[in-house]
Amino acid sequence: QVRLVESGGGLVQAGGSLRLSCVASGSILFGINARGWYRQAPGKQRELVATITSAGATNYADAVKGRFTISTTNDKNTVYLQMNSLKSEDTAVYYCNLQDSRYPSIDYWGQGTQVTVSS
């Protein structure tokens, strides 16, 4: 069983920064294909924020490009999201994701961490 635990959310003023962390534990038998961060604002669907593959390739939503940076530890067990120049529209619950390397892959999710940006 794989468990993802996020931390680092909170309340910040617009223009400020936060760093989210997500640690994976348990048996990841098939290896890690990718890690990622998604978010869900009230009344909206969950959306991709950023992903990073096992090879280190990154992908960002247009809304966060240039402001957010995703990174991992070498073993990919921990993933970070550095969020700078935060805007009120970044307010959401942020979810950590781990996609394993089996085919078809399995996605694991954290419980979510609230990020609130006050204007």
PDB file of N, CA and C in Angstrom:
ATOM      1  N   GLN A   1       0.839  -1.182   0.000  1.00  0.00           N
ATOM      2  CA  GLN A   1       0.000   0.000   0.000  1.00  0.00           C
ATOM      3  C   GLN A   1       0.887   1.250   0.000  1.00  0.00           C
ATOM      4  N   VAL A   2       0.619   2.156  -0.925  1.00  0.00           N
ATOM      5  CA  VAL A   2       1.392   3.393  -1.021  1.00  0.00           C
ATOM      6  C   VAL A   2       0.626   4.507  -0.327  1.00  0.00           C
ATOM      7  N   ARG A   3       1.324   5.280   0.464  1.00  0.00           N
ATOM      8  CA  ARG A   3       0.714   6.402   1.175  1.00  0.00           C
ATOM      9  C   ARG A   3       1.473   7.676   0.825  1.00  0.00           C
ATOM     10  N   LEU A   4       0.712   8.727   0.495  1.00  0.00           N
ATOM     11  CA  LEU A   4       1.286  10.034   0.186  1.00  0.00           C
ATOM     12  C   LEU A   4       0.820  11.029   1.235  1.00  0.00           C
ATOM     13  N   VAL A   5       1.767  11.761   1.808  1.00  0.00           N
ATOM     14  CA  VAL A   5       1.428  12.741   2.838  1.00  0.00           C
ATOM     15  C   VAL A   5       1.977  14.097   2.437  1.00  0.00           C
ATOM     16  N   GLU A   6       1.053  15.064   2.261  1.00  0.00           N
ATOM     17  CA  GLU A   6       1.448  16.417   1.876  1.00  0.00           C
ATOM     18  C   GLU A   6       1.626  17.294   3.111  1.00  0.00           C
ATOM     19  N   SER A   7       2.423  18.326   2.947  1.00  0.00           N
ATOM     20  CA  SER A   7       2.574  19.337   3.990  1.00  0.00           C
ATOM     21  C   SER A   7       2.991  20.646   3.341  1.00  0.00           C
ATOM     22  N   GLY A   8       2.875  21.730   4.117  1.00  0.00           N
ATOM     23  CA  GLY A   8       3.359  23.017   3.635  1.00  0.00           C
ATOM     24  C   GLY A   8       2.282  23.998   3.211  1.00  0.00           C
ATOM     25  N   GLY A   9       1.035  23.567   3.178  1.00  0.00           N
ATOM     26  CA  GLY A   9      -0.024  24.494   2.815  1.00  0.00           C
ATOM     27  C   GLY A   9      -0.263  25.518   3.909  1.00  0.00           C
ATOM     28  N   GLY A  10      -1.108  26.509   3.601  1.00  0.00           N
ATOM     29  CA  GLY A  10      -1.429  27.518   4.596  1.00  0.00           C
ATOM     30  C   GLY A  10      -1.988  28.767   3.969  1.00  0.00           C
ATOM     31  N   LEU A  11      -1.996  29.821   4.764  1.00  0.00           N
ATOM     32  CA  LEU A  11      -2.513  31.119   4.335  1.00  0.00           C
ATOM     33  C   LEU A  11      -1.344  32.046   4.043  1.00  0.00           C
ATOM     34  N   VAL A  12      -1.386  32.702   2.892  1.00  0.00           N
ATOM     35  CA  VAL A  12      -0.307  33.604   2.499  1.00  0.00           C
ATOM     36  C   VAL A  12      -0.915  34.785   1.755  1.00  0.00           C
ATOM     37  N   GLN A  13      -0.279  35.920   1.838  1.00  0.00           N
ATOM     38  CA  GLN A  13      -0.742  37.092   1.109  1.00  0.00           C
ATOM     39  C   GLN A  13      -0.341  37.002  -0.357  1.00  0.00           C
ATOM     40  N   ALA A  14      -1.096  37.642  -1.192  1.00  0.00           N
ATOM     41  CA  ALA A  14      -0.764  37.686  -2.613  1.00  0.00           C
ATOM     42  C   ALA A  14       0.650  38.231  -2.788  1.00  0.00           C
ATOM     43  N   GLY A  15       1.380  37.578  -3.697  1.00  0.00           N
ATOM     44  CA  GLY A  15       2.776  37.939  -3.917  1.00  0.00           C
ATOM     45  C   GLY A  15       3.752  37.135  -3.091  1.00  0.00           C
ATOM     46  N   GLY A  16       3.237  36.399  -2.120  1.00  0.00           N
ATOM     47  CA  GLY A  16       4.081  35.606  -1.244  1.00  0.00           C
ATOM     48  C   GLY A  16       4.438  34.255  -1.839  1.00  0.00           C
ATOM     49  N   SER A  17       5.101  33.433  -1.023  1.00  0.00           N
ATOM     50  CA  SER A  17       5.580  32.129  -1.470  1.00  0.00           C
ATOM     51  C   SER A  17       5.213  31.050  -0.460  1.00  0.00           C
ATOM     52  N   LEU A  18       5.059  29.844  -0.965  1.00  0.00           N
ATOM     53  CA  LEU A  18       4.883  28.652  -0.148  1.00  0.00           C
ATOM     54  C   LEU A  18       5.628  27.509  -0.818  1.00  0.00           C
ATOM     55  N   ARG A  19       6.029  26.547  -0.011  1.00  0.00           N
ATOM     56  CA  ARG A  19       6.649  25.338  -0.546  1.00  0.00           C
ATOM     57  C   ARG A  19       5.890  24.131  -0.024  1.00  0.00           C
ATOM     58  N   LEU A  20       5.330  23.365  -0.952  1.00  0.00           N
ATOM     59  CA  LEU A  20       4.620  22.144  -0.591  1.00  0.00           C
ATOM     60  C   LEU A  20       5.573  20.951  -0.698  1.00  0.00           C
ATOM     61  N   SER A  21       5.372  19.993   0.182  1.00  0.00           N
ATOM     62  CA  SER A  21       6.147  18.753   0.159  1.00  0.00           C
ATOM     63  C   SER A  21       5.187  17.574   0.183  1.00  0.00           C
ATOM     64  N   CYS A  22       5.620  16.477  -0.403  1.00  0.00           N
ATOM     65  CA  CYS A  22       4.817  15.251  -0.386  1.00  0.00           C
ATOM     66  C   CYS A  22       5.761  14.065  -0.300  1.00  0.00           C
ATOM     67  N   VAL A  23       5.597  13.286   0.745  1.00  0.00           N
ATOM     68  CA  VAL A  23       6.442  12.117   0.953  1.00  0.00           C
ATOM     69  C   VAL A  23       5.648  10.856   0.688  1.00  0.00           C
ATOM     70  N   ALA A  24       6.222   9.968  -0.114  1.00  0.00           N
ATOM     71  CA  ALA A  24       5.605   8.680  -0.397  1.00  0.00           C
ATOM     72  C   ALA A  24       6.218   7.601   0.490  1.00  0.00           C
ATOM     73  N   SER A  25       5.377   6.741   1.012  1.00  0.00           N
ATOM     74  CA  SER A  25       5.853   5.620   1.811  1.00  0.00           C
ATOM     75  C   SER A  25       5.080   4.372   1.410  1.00  0.00           C
ATOM     76  N   GLY A  26       5.639   3.206   1.794  1.00  0.00           N
ATOM     77  CA  GLY A  26       5.000   1.954   1.432  1.00  0.00           C
ATOM     78  C   GLY A  26       5.744   1.262   0.304  1.00  0.00           C
ATOM     79  N   SER A  27       5.131   0.232  -0.228  1.00  0.00           N
ATOM     80  CA  SER A  27       5.779  -0.587  -1.248  1.00  0.00           C
ATOM     81  C   SER A  27       5.402  -0.132  -2.644  1.00  0.00           C
ATOM     82  N   ILE A  28       6.336   0.525  -3.306  1.00  0.00           N
ATOM     83  CA  ILE A  28       6.117   0.937  -4.693  1.00  0.00           C
ATOM     84  C   ILE A  28       6.796  -0.121  -5.565  1.00  0.00           C
ATOM     85  N   LEU A  29       6.117  -1.233  -5.766  1.00  0.00           N
ATOM     86  CA  LEU A  29       6.734  -2.420  -6.356  1.00  0.00           C
ATOM     87  C   LEU A  29       7.159  -2.223  -7.802  1.00  0.00           C
ATOM     88  N   PHE A  30       6.448  -1.391  -8.522  1.00  0.00           N
ATOM     89  CA  PHE A  30       6.680  -1.279  -9.947  1.00  0.00           C
ATOM     90  C   PHE A  30       7.465  -0.037 -10.338  1.00  0.00           C
ATOM     91  N   GLY A  31       8.023   0.665  -9.360  1.00  0.00           N
ATOM     92  CA  GLY A  31       8.789   1.858  -9.671  1.00  0.00           C
ATOM     93  C   GLY A  31       7.877   3.047  -9.914  1.00  0.00           C
ATOM     94  N   ILE A  32       8.494   4.215 -10.030  1.00  0.00           N
ATOM     95  CA  ILE A  32       7.757   5.467 -10.178  1.00  0.00           C
ATOM     96  C   ILE A  32       7.933   6.001 -11.591  1.00  0.00           C
ATOM     97  N   ASN A  33       6.836   6.238 -12.280  1.00  0.00           N
ATOM     98  CA  ASN A  33       6.893   6.810 -13.620  1.00  0.00           C
ATOM     99  C   ASN A  33       6.917   8.334 -13.552  1.00  0.00           C
ATOM    100  N   ALA A  34       6.109   8.885 -12.658  1.00  0.00           N
ATOM    101  CA  ALA A  34       6.017  10.345 -12.571  1.00  0.00           C
ATOM    102  C   ALA A  34       5.453  10.753 -11.221  1.00  0.00           C
ATOM    103  N   ARG A  35       5.759  11.974 -10.832  1.00  0.00           N
ATOM    104  CA  ARG A  35       5.162  12.612  -9.647  1.00  0.00           C
ATOM    105  C   ARG A  35       4.496  13.887 -10.113  1.00  0.00           C
ATOM    106  N   GLY A  36       3.548  14.338  -9.348  1.00  0.00           N
ATOM    107  CA  GLY A  36       2.861  15.552  -9.783  1.00  0.00           C
ATOM    108  C   GLY A  36       2.074  16.228  -8.683  1.00  0.00           C
ATOM    109  N   TRP A  37       1.636  17.423  -9.010  1.00  0.00           N
ATOM    110  CA  TRP A  37       0.756  18.211  -8.154  1.00  0.00           C
ATOM    111  C   TRP A  37      -0.469  18.623  -8.964  1.00  0.00           C
ATOM    112  N   TYR A  38      -1.622  18.481  -8.353  1.00  0.00           N
ATOM    113  CA  TYR A  38      -2.883  18.904  -8.934  1.00  0.00           C
ATOM    114  C   TYR A  38      -3.587  19.779  -7.906  1.00  0.00           C
ATOM    115  N   ARG A  39      -4.570  20.531  -8.349  1.00  0.00           N
ATOM    116  CA  ARG A  39      -5.311  21.361  -7.405  1.00  0.00           C
ATOM    117  C   ARG A  39      -6.786  21.409  -7.775  1.00  0.00           C
ATOM    118  N   GLN A  40      -7.598  21.684  -6.769  1.00  0.00           N
ATOM    119  CA  GLN A  40      -9.034  21.788  -6.981  1.00  0.00           C
ATOM    120  C   GLN A  40      -9.563  22.960  -6.174  1.00  0.00           C
ATOM    121  N   ALA A  41     -10.091  23.933  -6.881  1.00  0.00           N
ATOM    122  CA  ALA A  41     -10.703  25.091  -6.246  1.00  0.00           C
ATOM    123  C   ALA A  41     -12.192  24.803  -6.031  1.00  0.00           C
ATOM    124  N   PRO A  42     -12.829  25.507  -5.118  1.00  0.00           N
ATOM    125  CA  PRO A  42     -14.255  25.274  -4.857  1.00  0.00           C
ATOM    126  C   PRO A  42     -15.086  25.425  -6.120  1.00  0.00           C
ATOM    127  N   GLY A  43     -15.922  24.437  -6.396  1.00  0.00           N
ATOM    128  CA  GLY A  43     -16.803  24.489  -7.553  1.00  0.00           C
ATOM    129  C   GLY A  43     -16.141  24.181  -8.875  1.00  0.00           C
ATOM    130  N   LYS A  44     -14.874  23.808  -8.835  1.00  0.00           N
ATOM    131  CA  LYS A  44     -14.148  23.516 -10.075  1.00  0.00           C
ATOM    132  C   LYS A  44     -13.618  22.093 -10.062  1.00  0.00           C
ATOM    133  N   GLN A  45     -13.260  21.611 -11.256  1.00  0.00           N
ATOM    134  CA  GLN A  45     -12.678  20.281 -11.357  1.00  0.00           C
ATOM    135  C   GLN A  45     -11.205  20.311 -10.959  1.00  0.00           C
ATOM    136  N   ARG A  46     -10.710  19.144 -10.573  1.00  0.00           N
ATOM    137  CA  ARG A  46      -9.294  19.036 -10.275  1.00  0.00           C
ATOM    138  C   ARG A  46      -8.500  19.272 -11.553  1.00  0.00           C
ATOM    139  N   GLU A  47      -7.408  20.044 -11.445  1.00  0.00           N
ATOM    140  CA  GLU A  47      -6.603  20.363 -12.608  1.00  0.00           C
ATOM    141  C   GLU A  47      -5.121  20.127 -12.336  1.00  0.00           C
ATOM    142  N   LEU A  48      -4.411  19.855 -13.406  1.00  0.00           N
ATOM    143  CA  LEU A  48      -2.980  19.647 -13.309  1.00  0.00           C
ATOM    144  C   LEU A  48      -2.288  20.965 -12.994  1.00  0.00           C
ATOM    145  N   VAL A  49      -1.302  20.906 -12.086  1.00  0.00           N
ATOM    146  CA  VAL A  49      -0.461  22.058 -11.804  1.00  0.00           C
ATOM    147  C   VAL A  49       0.919  21.834 -12.413  1.00  0.00           C
ATOM    148  N   ALA A  50       1.535  20.705 -12.055  1.00  0.00           N
ATOM    149  CA  ALA A  50       2.872  20.409 -12.558  1.00  0.00           C
ATOM    150  C   ALA A  50       3.154  18.929 -12.395  1.00  0.00           C
ATOM    151  N   THR A  51       3.939  18.379 -13.324  1.00  0.00           N
ATOM    152  CA  THR A  51       4.375  16.993 -13.221  1.00  0.00           C
ATOM    153  C   THR A  51       5.863  16.911 -13.529  1.00  0.00           C
ATOM    154  N   ILE A  52       6.473  15.845 -13.039  1.00  0.00           N
ATOM    155  CA  ILE A  52       7.883  15.576 -13.334  1.00  0.00           C
ATOM    156  C   ILE A  52       8.030  14.073 -13.523  1.00  0.00           C
ATOM    157  N   THR A  53       8.662  13.666 -14.618  1.00  0.00           N
ATOM    158  CA  THR A  53       8.823  12.248 -14.899  1.00  0.00           C
ATOM    159  C   THR A  53      10.059  11.703 -14.196  1.00  0.00           C
ATOM    160  N   SER A  54      10.212  10.382 -14.261  1.00  0.00           N
ATOM    161  CA  SER A  54      11.379   9.751 -13.651  1.00  0.00           C
ATOM    162  C   SER A  54      12.663  10.216 -14.325  1.00  0.00           C
ATOM    163  N   ALA A  55      12.547  10.678 -15.573  1.00  0.00           N
ATOM    164  CA  ALA A  55      13.716  11.179 -16.302  1.00  0.00           C
ATOM    165  C   ALA A  55      13.973  12.653 -16.021  1.00  0.00           C
ATOM    166  N   GLY A  56      13.086  13.279 -15.269  1.00  0.00           N
ATOM    167  CA  GLY A  56      13.284  14.677 -14.909  1.00  0.00           C
ATOM    168  C   GLY A  56      12.586  15.683 -15.797  1.00  0.00           C
ATOM    169  N   ALA A  57      11.819  15.208 -16.766  1.00  0.00           N
ATOM    170  CA  ALA A  57      11.090  16.136 -17.633  1.00  0.00           C
ATOM    171  C   ALA A  57       9.916  16.736 -16.874  1.00  0.00           C
ATOM    172  N   THR A  58       9.750  18.033 -16.992  1.00  0.00           N
ATOM    173  CA  THR A  58       8.695  18.728 -16.261  1.00  0.00           C
ATOM    174  C   THR A  58       7.633  19.284 -17.201  1.00  0.00           C
ATOM    175  N   ASN A  59       6.446  19.430 -16.646  1.00  0.00           N
ATOM    176  CA  ASN A  59       5.336  20.010 -17.400  1.00  0.00           C
ATOM    177  C   ASN A  59       4.541  20.876 -16.435  1.00  0.00           C
ATOM    178  N   TYR A  60       4.156  22.070 -16.881  1.00  0.00           N
ATOM    179  CA  TYR A  60       3.435  23.004 -16.024  1.00  0.00           C
ATOM    180  C   TYR A  60       2.165  23.494 -16.705  1.00  0.00           C
ATOM    181  N   ALA A  61       1.161  23.744 -15.893  1.00  0.00           N
ATOM    182  CA  ALA A  61      -0.015  24.423 -16.410  1.00  0.00           C
ATOM    183  C   ALA A  61       0.378  25.843 -16.804  1.00  0.00           C
ATOM    184  N   ASP A  62      -0.251  26.358 -17.843  1.00  0.00           N
ATOM    185  CA  ASP A  62       0.083  27.708 -18.302  1.00  0.00           C
ATOM    186  C   ASP A  62      -0.068  28.733 -17.182  1.00  0.00           C
ATOM    187  N   ALA A  63      -1.048  28.522 -16.313  1.00  0.00           N
ATOM    188  CA  ALA A  63      -1.346  29.500 -15.269  1.00  0.00           C
ATOM    189  C   ALA A  63      -0.232  29.644 -14.232  1.00  0.00           C
ATOM    190  N   VAL A  64       0.648  28.642 -14.157  1.00  0.00           N
ATOM    191  CA  VAL A  64       1.685  28.683 -13.114  1.00  0.00           C
ATOM    192  C   VAL A  64       3.096  28.758 -13.681  1.00  0.00           C
ATOM    193  N   LYS A  65       3.219  28.712 -14.992  1.00  0.00           N
ATOM    194  CA  LYS A  65       4.553  28.748 -15.602  1.00  0.00           C
ATOM    195  C   LYS A  65       5.292  30.010 -15.192  1.00  0.00           C
ATOM    196  N   GLY A  66       6.551  29.834 -14.816  1.00  0.00           N
ATOM    197  CA  GLY A  66       7.364  30.970 -14.411  1.00  0.00           C
ATOM    198  C   GLY A  66       7.215  31.337 -12.952  1.00  0.00           C
ATOM    199  N   ARG A  67       6.218  30.760 -12.270  1.00  0.00           N
ATOM    200  CA  ARG A  67       5.998  31.079 -10.855  1.00  0.00           C
ATOM    201  C   ARG A  67       6.200  29.861  -9.957  1.00  0.00           C
ATOM    202  N   PHE A  68       5.843  28.684 -10.455  1.00  0.00           N
ATOM    203  CA  PHE A  68       5.943  27.448  -9.674  1.00  0.00           C
ATOM    204  C   PHE A  68       7.071  26.577 -10.219  1.00  0.00           C
ATOM    205  N   THR A  69       7.706  25.833  -9.320  1.00  0.00           N
ATOM    206  CA  THR A  69       8.752  24.895  -9.714  1.00  0.00           C
ATOM    207  C   THR A  69       8.543  23.570  -9.002  1.00  0.00           C
ATOM    208  N   ILE A  70       8.508  22.485  -9.770  1.00  0.00           N
ATOM    209  CA  ILE A  70       8.389  21.150  -9.207  1.00  0.00           C
ATOM    210  C   ILE A  70       9.762  20.504  -9.182  1.00  0.00           C
ATOM    211  N   SER A  71      10.031  19.758  -8.130  1.00  0.00           N
ATOM    212  CA  SER A  71      11.306  19.052  -8.018  1.00  0.00           C
ATOM    213  C   SER A  71      11.107  17.817  -7.148  1.00  0.00           C
ATOM    214  N   THR A  72      12.068  16.906  -7.213  1.00  0.00           N
ATOM    215  CA  THR A  72      11.995  15.691  -6.409  1.00  0.00           C
ATOM    216  C   THR A  72      13.355  15.363  -5.826  1.00  0.00           C
ATOM    217  N   THR A  73      13.356  14.469  -4.862  1.00  0.00           N
ATOM    218  CA  THR A  73      14.583  13.855  -4.409  1.00  0.00           C
ATOM    219  C   THR A  73      15.018  12.832  -5.462  1.00  0.00           C
ATOM    220  N   ASN A  74      16.259  12.351  -5.369  1.00  0.00           N
ATOM    221  CA  ASN A  74      16.767  11.434  -6.391  1.00  0.00           C
ATOM    222  C   ASN A  74      15.926  10.164  -6.516  1.00  0.00           C
ATOM    223  N   ASP A  75      15.420   9.671  -5.399  1.00  0.00           N
ATOM    224  CA  ASP A  75      14.637   8.443  -5.446  1.00  0.00           C
ATOM    225  C   ASP A  75      13.175   8.692  -5.810  1.00  0.00           C
ATOM    226  N   LYS A  76      12.820   9.945  -6.018  1.00  0.00           N
ATOM    227  CA  LYS A  76      11.468  10.345  -6.419  1.00  0.00           C
ATOM    228  C   LYS A  76      10.439  10.108  -5.319  1.00  0.00           C
ATOM    229  N   ASN A  77      10.866   9.709  -4.129  1.00  0.00           N
ATOM    230  CA  ASN A  77       9.897   9.467  -3.057  1.00  0.00           C
ATOM    231  C   ASN A  77       9.315  10.757  -2.496  1.00  0.00           C
ATOM    232  N   THR A  78      10.058  11.840  -2.596  1.00  0.00           N
ATOM    233  CA  THR A  78       9.572  13.132  -2.112  1.00  0.00           C
ATOM    234  C   THR A  78       9.494  14.099  -3.289  1.00  0.00           C
ATOM    235  N   VAL A  79       8.378  14.786  -3.388  1.00  0.00           N
ATOM    236  CA  VAL A  79       8.201  15.778  -4.439  1.00  0.00           C
ATOM    237  C   VAL A  79       7.858  17.109  -3.783  1.00  0.00           C
ATOM    238  N   TYR A  80       8.385  18.186  -4.355  1.00  0.00           N
ATOM    239  CA  TYR A  80       8.170  19.524  -3.826  1.00  0.00           C
ATOM    240  C   TYR A  80       7.484  20.392  -4.881  1.00  0.00           C
ATOM    241  N   LEU A  81       6.807  21.407  -4.398  1.00  0.00           N
ATOM    242  CA  LEU A  81       6.266  22.425  -5.287  1.00  0.00           C
ATOM    243  C   LEU A  81       6.582  23.777  -4.664  1.00  0.00           C
ATOM    244  N   GLN A  82       7.517  24.483  -5.256  1.00  0.00           N
ATOM    245  CA  GLN A  82       7.850  25.835  -4.815  1.00  0.00           C
ATOM    246  C   GLN A  82       6.925  26.794  -5.548  1.00  0.00           C
ATOM    247  N   MET A  83       6.158  27.544  -4.788  1.00  0.00           N
ATOM    248  CA  MET A  83       5.174  28.446  -5.370  1.00  0.00           C
ATOM    249  C   MET A  83       5.539  29.878  -5.009  1.00  0.00           C
ATOM    250  N   ASN A  84       5.862  30.660  -6.006  1.00  0.00           N
ATOM    251  CA  ASN A  84       6.221  32.068  -5.822  1.00  0.00           C
ATOM    252  C   ASN A  84       5.202  32.972  -6.491  1.00  0.00           C
ATOM    253  N   SER A  85       5.212  34.233  -6.104  1.00  0.00           N
ATOM    254  CA  SER A  85       4.303  35.224  -6.696  1.00  0.00           C
ATOM    255  C   SER A  85       2.869  34.719  -6.688  1.00  0.00           C
ATOM    256  N   LEU A  86       2.443  34.229  -5.560  1.00  0.00           N
ATOM    257  CA  LEU A  86       1.113  33.631  -5.464  1.00  0.00           C
ATOM    258  C   LEU A  86       0.014  34.654  -5.703  1.00  0.00           C
ATOM    259  N   LYS A  87      -1.049  34.171  -6.338  1.00  0.00           N
ATOM    260  CA  LYS A  87      -2.210  35.006  -6.658  1.00  0.00           C
ATOM    261  C   LYS A  87      -3.446  34.420  -5.975  1.00  0.00           C
ATOM    262  N   SER A  88      -4.472  35.238  -5.845  1.00  0.00           N
ATOM    263  CA  SER A  88      -5.695  34.751  -5.206  1.00  0.00           C
ATOM    264  C   SER A  88      -6.280  33.568  -5.968  1.00  0.00           C
ATOM    265  N   GLU A  89      -6.095  33.547  -7.279  1.00  0.00           N
ATOM    266  CA  GLU A  89      -6.622  32.436  -8.069  1.00  0.00           C
ATOM    267  C   GLU A  89      -5.860  31.132  -7.878  1.00  0.00           C
ATOM    268  N   ASP A  90      -4.767  31.165  -7.136  1.00  0.00           N
ATOM    269  CA  ASP A  90      -4.061  29.935  -6.791  1.00  0.00           C
ATOM    270  C   ASP A  90      -4.687  29.237  -5.583  1.00  0.00           C
ATOM    271  N   THR A  91      -5.651  29.891  -4.954  1.00  0.00           N
ATOM    272  CA  THR A  91      -6.315  29.302  -3.799  1.00  0.00           C
ATOM    273  C   THR A  91      -7.026  28.013  -4.199  1.00  0.00           C
ATOM    274  N   ALA A  92      -6.689  26.930  -3.514  1.00  0.00           N
ATOM    275  CA  ALA A  92      -7.245  25.622  -3.837  1.00  0.00           C
ATOM    276  C   ALA A  92      -6.715  24.596  -2.839  1.00  0.00           C
ATOM    277  N   VAL A  93      -7.280  23.408  -2.921  1.00  0.00           N
ATOM    278  CA  VAL A  93      -6.676  22.259  -2.236  1.00  0.00           C
ATOM    279  C   VAL A  93      -5.697  21.629  -3.223  1.00  0.00           C
ATOM    280  N   TYR A  94      -4.472  21.445  -2.785  1.00  0.00           N
ATOM    281  CA  TYR A  94      -3.427  20.896  -3.632  1.00  0.00           C
ATOM    282  C   TYR A  94      -3.204  19.426  -3.276  1.00  0.00           C
ATOM    283  N   TYR A  95      -3.226  18.590  -4.319  1.00  0.00           N
ATOM    284  CA  TYR A  95      -3.094  17.153  -4.145  1.00  0.00           C
ATOM    285  C   TYR A  95      -1.809  16.656  -4.786  1.00  0.00           C
ATOM    286  N   CYS A  96      -1.126  15.813  -4.063  1.00  0.00           N
ATOM    287  CA  CYS A  96       0.082  15.168  -4.551  1.00  0.00           C
ATOM    288  C   CYS A  96      -0.295  13.877  -5.281  1.00  0.00           C
ATOM    289  N   ASN A  97       0.434  13.574  -6.338  1.00  0.00           N
ATOM    290  CA  ASN A  97       0.165  12.382  -7.145  1.00  0.00           C
ATOM    291  C   ASN A  97       1.444  11.577  -7.349  1.00  0.00           C
ATOM    292  N   LEU A  98       1.283  10.276  -7.400  1.00  0.00           N
ATOM    293  CA  LEU A  98       2.371   9.379  -7.799  1.00  0.00           C
ATOM    294  C   LEU A  98       1.793   8.397  -8.809  1.00  0.00           C
ATOM    295  N   GLN A  99       2.436   8.305  -9.931  1.00  0.00           N
ATOM    296  CA  GLN A  99       2.036   7.357 -10.974  1.00  0.00           C
ATOM    297  C   GLN A  99       3.108   6.279 -11.069  1.00  0.00           C
ATOM    298  N   ASP A 100       2.686   5.016 -10.872  1.00  0.00           N
ATOM    299  CA  ASP A 100       3.709   3.983 -10.909  1.00  0.00           C
ATOM    300  C   ASP A 100       3.993   3.534 -12.343  1.00  0.00           C
ATOM    301  N   SER A 101       4.947   2.624 -12.493  1.00  0.00           N
ATOM    302  CA  SER A 101       5.462   2.290 -13.815  1.00  0.00           C
ATOM    303  C   SER A 101       4.856   1.043 -14.441  1.00  0.00           C
ATOM    304  N   ARG A 102       3.845   0.483 -13.807  1.00  0.00           N
ATOM    305  CA  ARG A 102       3.232  -0.700 -14.428  1.00  0.00           C
ATOM    306  C   ARG A 102       2.373  -0.272 -15.603  1.00  0.00           C
ATOM    307  N   TYR A 103       1.926  -1.261 -16.427  1.00  0.00           N
ATOM    308  CA  TYR A 103       1.003  -0.955 -17.517  1.00  0.00           C
ATOM    309  C   TYR A 103      -0.253  -1.804 -17.370  1.00  0.00           C
ATOM    310  N   PRO A 104      -1.442  -1.182 -17.277  1.00  0.00           N
ATOM    311  CA  PRO A 104      -1.641   0.270 -17.157  1.00  0.00           C
ATOM    312  C   PRO A 104      -1.189   0.775 -15.790  1.00  0.00           C
ATOM    313  N   SER A 105      -0.783   2.003 -15.740  1.00  0.00           N
ATOM    314  CA  SER A 105      -0.246   2.554 -14.496  1.00  0.00           C
ATOM    315  C   SER A 105      -1.351   2.776 -13.474  1.00  0.00           C
ATOM    316  N   ILE A 106      -0.926   2.844 -12.241  1.00  0.00           N
ATOM    317  CA  ILE A 106      -1.821   3.141 -11.124  1.00  0.00           C
ATOM    318  C   ILE A 106      -1.453   4.510 -10.579  1.00  0.00           C
ATOM    319  N   ASP A 107      -2.477   5.330 -10.301  1.00  0.00           N
ATOM    320  CA  ASP A 107      -2.264   6.644  -9.699  1.00  0.00           C
ATOM    321  C   ASP A 107      -2.599   6.595  -8.214  1.00  0.00           C
ATOM    322  N   TYR A 108      -1.720   7.159  -7.422  1.00  0.00           N
ATOM    323  CA  TYR A 108      -1.939   7.292  -5.987  1.00  0.00           C
ATOM    324  C   TYR A 108      -2.059   8.775  -5.666  1.00  0.00           C
ATOM    325  N   TRP A 109      -2.899   9.074  -4.652  1.00  0.00           N
ATOM    326  CA  TRP A 109      -3.171  10.467  -4.299  1.00  0.00           C
ATOM    327  C   TRP A 109      -3.003  10.701  -2.809  1.00  0.00           C
ATOM    328  N   GLY A 110      -2.537  11.915  -2.484  1.00  0.00           N
ATOM    329  CA  GLY A 110      -2.513  12.334  -1.095  1.00  0.00           C
ATOM    330  C   GLY A 110      -3.880  12.852  -0.668  1.00  0.00           C
ATOM    331  N   GLN A 111      -3.964  13.257   0.586  1.00  0.00           N
ATOM    332  CA  GLN A 111      -5.239  13.708   1.141  1.00  0.00           C
ATOM    333  C   GLN A 111      -5.519  15.169   0.819  1.00  0.00           C
ATOM    334  N   GLY A 112      -4.515  15.879   0.340  1.00  0.00           N
ATOM    335  CA  GLY A 112      -4.684  17.280  -0.027  1.00  0.00           C
ATOM    336  C   GLY A 112      -4.248  18.223   1.068  1.00  0.00           C
ATOM    337  N   THR A 113      -3.763  19.381   0.649  1.00  0.00           N
ATOM    338  CA  THR A 113      -3.376  20.430   1.591  1.00  0.00           C
ATOM    339  C   THR A 113      -3.927  21.757   1.076  1.00  0.00           C
ATOM    340  N   GLN A 114      -4.524  22.522   1.970  1.00  0.00           N
ATOM    341  CA  GLN A 114      -5.184  23.766   1.576  1.00  0.00           C
ATOM    342  C   GLN A 114      -4.167  24.884   1.415  1.00  0.00           C
ATOM    343  N   VAL A 115      -4.268  25.576   0.293  1.00  0.00           N
ATOM    344  CA  VAL A 115      -3.494  26.795   0.059  1.00  0.00           C
ATOM    345  C   VAL A 115      -4.491  27.933  -0.135  1.00  0.00           C
ATOM    346  N   THR A 116      -4.375  28.954   0.682  1.00  0.00           N
ATOM    347  CA  THR A 116      -5.261  30.112   0.592  1.00  0.00           C
ATOM    348  C   THR A 116      -4.414  31.364   0.412  1.00  0.00           C
ATOM    349  N   VAL A 117      -4.689  32.085  -0.661  1.00  0.00           N
ATOM    350  CA  VAL A 117      -3.955  33.310  -0.970  1.00  0.00           C
ATOM    351  C   VAL A 117      -4.908  34.483  -0.793  1.00  0.00           C
ATOM    352  N   SER A 118      -4.572  35.363   0.127  1.00  0.00           N
ATOM    353  CA  SER A 118      -5.424  36.524   0.382  1.00  0.00           C
ATOM    354  C   SER A 118      -4.944  37.709  -0.437  1.00  0.00           C
ATOM    355  N   SER A 119      -5.913  38.457  -0.951  1.00  0.00           N
ATOM    356  CA  SER A 119      -5.546  39.600  -1.806  1.00  0.00           C
ATOM    357  C   SER A 119      -5.523  40.895  -1.013  1.00  0.00           C
TER     358      SER A 119
END
